[in-house]
Amino acid sequence: MFLIVLDSFCFIEISAHDFIIQGQDTFKSTKTNIWLNLGLGYEDNRRSAGCLSGAVSLSLQKAFHLITARYIHASEVDNFWVESDIFSSYNLMYGLIKKNPTGHSPGYFSVSTGIDYSTMLDLVEYGPGSTDHNLLERKKFGVPVDVQLFRQGKWIGIGLNGYIVINSEFTFYGVLVCLQLGKLR
């Protein structure tokens, strides 16, 4: 019985020791990184056939925490390159990030959510064949969900950003190809 207690005590001590060492290593390697994302892509919603979209975001990462402020602009383009619906979205998000800082493919994967404020300018025509129209502005708060997958160098990265913004009137989603600039590793 003494051996079992001794073995159990050693096991607990080793586990705690390993945990402390891992915690210290993790703490020492947690630098603050900040970067700017510039993205172009495609956005869709329940009402349109698809939109061209662009985004600018600023991200701050500390350990496994990620804070992001983002602006998305999307325009539905009809015949003859006339914008009919214009979407603007402002997001403030918190997320979790998993980085692979070493190896042959350094990069990261992140998932974030937060609060969104979106506006949509809707082109309303007065009838078939009519040249008269009016812009109707709709504003809504919503919930963004964001997924990012990036490959990074020390100061520049490239990756994909998928998102959905859920609100009660004009939920939309999209994919962006992004260029990342800043302190990445």
Protein backbone atom coordinates (compact mmCIF):
# COMPACT_ATOMS: atom_id res chain seq x y z
CA MET A 1 0.00 0.00 0.00
CA PHE A 2 2.90 2.35 0.67
CA LEU A 3 4.13 1.83 -2.87
CA ILE A 4 0.71 2.69 -4.27
CA VAL A 5 0.58 5.89 -2.20
CA LEU A 6 4.15 6.71 -3.17
CA ASP A 7 3.42 6.01 -6.82
CA SER A 8 0.27 8.13 -6.68
CA PHE A 9 2.12 10.96 -4.92
CA CYS A 10 4.91 10.88 -7.53
CA PHE A 11 2.35 10.83 -10.32
CA ILE A 12 0.59 13.87 -8.89
CA GLU A 13 3.89 15.65 -8.30
CA ILE A 14 5.09 14.93 -11.83
CA SER A 15 1.79 16.06 -13.33
CA ALA A 16 1.81 19.29 -11.34
CA HIS A 17 5.49 19.85 -12.21
CA ASP A 18 4.80 19.29 -15.91
CA PHE A 19 1.83 21.63 -15.75
CA ILE A 20 3.89 24.39 -14.09
CA ILE A 21 6.68 24.02 -16.65
CA GLN A 22 4.19 24.09 -19.54
CA GLY A 23 2.44 27.10 -18.03
CA GLN A 24 5.72 28.99 -17.64
CA ASP A 25 6.77 28.18 -21.21
CA THR A 26 3.40 29.28 -22.53
CA PHE A 27 3.53 32.48 -20.51
CA LYS A 28 7.04 33.33 -21.70
CA SER A 29 6.09 32.80 -25.34
CA THR A 30 2.97 34.97 -25.24
CA LYS A 31 3.89 38.12 -27.07
CA THR A 32 1.44 40.78 -28.05
CA ASN A 33 0.91 40.82 -31.81
CA ILE A 34 -1.01 43.43 -33.78
CA TRP A 35 -1.90 43.44 -37.46
CA LEU A 36 -4.07 44.94 -40.18
CA ASN A 37 -6.10 42.75 -42.56
CA LEU A 38 -7.15 43.97 -46.00
CA GLY A 39 -9.62 41.67 -47.76
CA LEU A 40 -11.57 41.33 -50.99
CA GLY A 41 -14.21 38.74 -51.65
CA TYR A 42 -17.80 37.67 -52.13
CA GLU A 43 -20.84 38.24 -49.93
CA ASP A 44 -24.36 36.88 -50.16
CA ASN A 45 -27.65 37.29 -48.32
CA ARG A 46 -31.26 36.22 -48.53
CA ARG A 47 -32.21 39.08 -50.84
CA SER A 48 -29.50 39.33 -53.48
CA ALA A 49 -27.66 37.21 -55.98
CA GLY A 50 -24.27 38.05 -54.48
CA CYS A 51 -22.09 41.05 -53.84
CA LEU A 52 -18.53 42.20 -54.20
CA SER A 53 -17.13 42.88 -50.74
CA GLY A 54 -14.11 44.44 -49.12
CA ALA A 55 -12.99 44.61 -45.51
CA VAL A 56 -10.46 46.30 -43.27
CA SER A 57 -9.77 44.98 -39.79
CA LEU A 58 -7.37 45.61 -36.94
CA SER A 59 -6.53 42.66 -34.66
CA LEU A 60 -4.73 42.39 -31.34
CA GLN A 61 -3.57 38.98 -30.12
CA LYS A 62 -2.23 38.08 -26.67
CA ALA A 63 -1.69 34.38 -25.85
CA PHE A 64 -4.80 32.61 -27.20
CA HIS A 65 -7.04 35.74 -27.02
CA LEU A 66 -7.92 37.70 -30.16
CA ILE A 67 -9.70 41.07 -30.28
CA THR A 68 -10.75 42.38 -33.70
CA ALA A 69 -12.42 45.56 -34.97
CA ARG A 70 -13.62 45.21 -38.58
CA TYR A 71 -15.42 47.21 -41.26
CA ILE A 72 -17.02 45.38 -44.22
CA HIS A 73 -18.50 47.07 -47.29
CA ALA A 74 -20.40 45.16 -49.96
CA SER A 75 -22.27 46.30 -53.07
CA GLU A 76 -24.65 44.31 -55.19
CA VAL A 77 -23.98 45.10 -58.81
CA ASP A 78 -26.87 44.88 -61.28
CA ASN A 79 -26.82 45.29 -65.06
CA PHE A 80 -24.62 48.09 -66.36
CA TRP A 81 -22.64 48.20 -63.07
CA VAL A 82 -25.29 50.09 -61.10
CA GLU A 83 -25.13 49.52 -57.35
CA SER A 84 -28.54 48.51 -56.04
CA ASP A 85 -28.00 47.28 -52.47
CA ILE A 86 -25.12 48.59 -50.39
CA PHE A 87 -24.16 46.88 -47.13
CA SER A 88 -21.90 48.28 -44.42
CA SER A 89 -20.99 46.35 -41.30
CA TYR A 90 -19.03 47.35 -38.20
CA ASN A 91 -17.90 44.48 -35.94
CA LEU A 92 -16.21 44.32 -32.56
CA MET A 93 -15.25 40.72 -31.78
CA TYR A 94 -13.49 38.55 -29.22
CA GLY A 95 -12.14 35.17 -30.19
CA LEU A 96 -9.76 32.32 -29.60
CA ILE A 97 -6.69 31.74 -31.74
CA LYS A 98 -4.57 28.65 -32.28
CA LYS A 99 -1.15 29.48 -33.70
CA ASN A 100 1.47 27.24 -35.25
CA PRO A 101 4.49 29.56 -34.99
CA THR A 102 7.10 27.05 -36.15
CA GLY A 103 7.56 24.43 -38.80
CA HIS A 104 7.26 24.63 -42.54
CA SER A 105 3.82 26.28 -42.48
CA PRO A 106 3.53 28.87 -39.69
CA GLY A 107 0.08 30.36 -39.37
CA TYR A 108 -3.10 30.33 -37.32
CA PHE A 109 -6.75 29.39 -37.08
CA SER A 110 -9.22 31.56 -35.15
CA VAL A 111 -12.91 31.68 -34.28
CA SER A 112 -14.50 34.94 -33.04
CA THR A 113 -17.88 36.45 -32.26
CA GLY A 114 -19.12 39.72 -30.84
CA ILE A 115 -21.46 42.58 -31.74
CA ASP A 116 -22.29 44.01 -35.16
CA TYR A 117 -23.94 47.19 -36.38
CA SER A 118 -25.02 46.93 -40.03
CA THR A 119 -26.67 49.29 -42.45
CA MET A 120 -28.20 48.50 -45.82
CA LEU A 121 -29.14 51.03 -48.47
CA ASP A 122 -31.85 49.38 -50.54
CA LEU A 123 -32.65 50.76 -54.01
CA VAL A 124 -36.46 50.73 -54.33
CA GLU A 125 -37.93 51.25 -57.81
CA TYR A 126 -41.45 52.64 -58.23
CA GLY A 127 -42.57 50.19 -60.88
CA PRO A 128 -41.51 48.07 -63.84
CA GLY A 129 -39.58 50.15 -66.36
CA SER A 130 -39.62 53.20 -64.11
CA THR A 131 -36.46 55.29 -63.86
CA ASP A 132 -37.63 56.76 -60.56
CA HIS A 133 -36.22 55.17 -57.42
CA ASN A 134 -35.69 55.83 -53.77
CA LEU A 135 -33.06 54.68 -51.29
CA LEU A 136 -34.36 53.03 -48.14
CA GLU A 137 -31.85 52.78 -45.28
CA ARG A 138 -32.14 49.90 -42.83
CA LYS A 139 -30.04 49.64 -39.65
CA LYS A 140 -29.71 46.61 -37.38
CA PHE A 141 -27.61 45.22 -34.56
CA GLY A 142 -26.53 41.63 -34.95
CA VAL A 143 -24.06 38.92 -34.04
CA PRO A 144 -21.02 38.24 -36.24
CA VAL A 145 -19.33 34.85 -36.34
CA ASP A 146 -15.88 34.87 -37.91
CA VAL A 147 -13.43 32.10 -38.89
CA GLN A 148 -9.91 32.83 -40.12
CA LEU A 149 -7.17 30.61 -41.53
CA PHE A 150 -3.85 32.31 -42.27
CA ARG A 151 -0.33 31.47 -43.33
CA GLN A 152 2.16 33.96 -41.91
CA GLY A 153 5.66 35.28 -42.19
CA LYS A 154 7.12 37.59 -39.59
CA TRP A 155 5.52 40.78 -41.02
CA ILE A 156 3.16 39.64 -43.80
CA GLY A 157 0.54 36.93 -44.18
CA ILE A 158 -2.17 35.70 -46.54
CA GLY A 159 -5.31 33.78 -45.76
CA LEU A 160 -9.05 33.25 -45.86
CA ASN A 161 -11.70 34.86 -43.70
CA GLY A 162 -15.21 33.39 -43.61
CA TYR A 163 -17.98 35.22 -41.79
CA ILE A 164 -21.70 35.38 -41.16
CA VAL A 165 -23.57 38.28 -39.59
CA ILE A 166 -26.91 37.29 -38.10
CA ASN A 167 -29.61 39.91 -37.54
CA SER A 168 -33.39 40.01 -37.73
CA GLU A 169 -33.73 41.63 -41.16
CA PHE A 170 -30.78 41.07 -43.52
CA THR A 171 -28.46 38.28 -42.39
CA PHE A 172 -25.43 37.98 -44.69
CA TYR A 173 -22.31 35.85 -45.09
CA GLY A 174 -19.15 35.90 -47.15
CA VAL A 175 -15.59 34.84 -47.80
CA LEU A 176 -12.60 37.17 -48.11
CA VAL A 177 -9.08 36.59 -49.36
CA CYS A 178 -6.95 38.73 -47.05
CA LEU A 179 -3.51 40.26 -46.93
CA GLN A 180 -2.20 40.62 -43.40
CA LEU A 181 0.37 43.28 -42.41
CA GLY A 182 1.93 43.86 -39.01
CA LYS A 183 3.73 42.12 -36.17
CA LEU A 184 2.61 38.55 -36.78
CA ARG A 185 5.12 36.41 -34.84
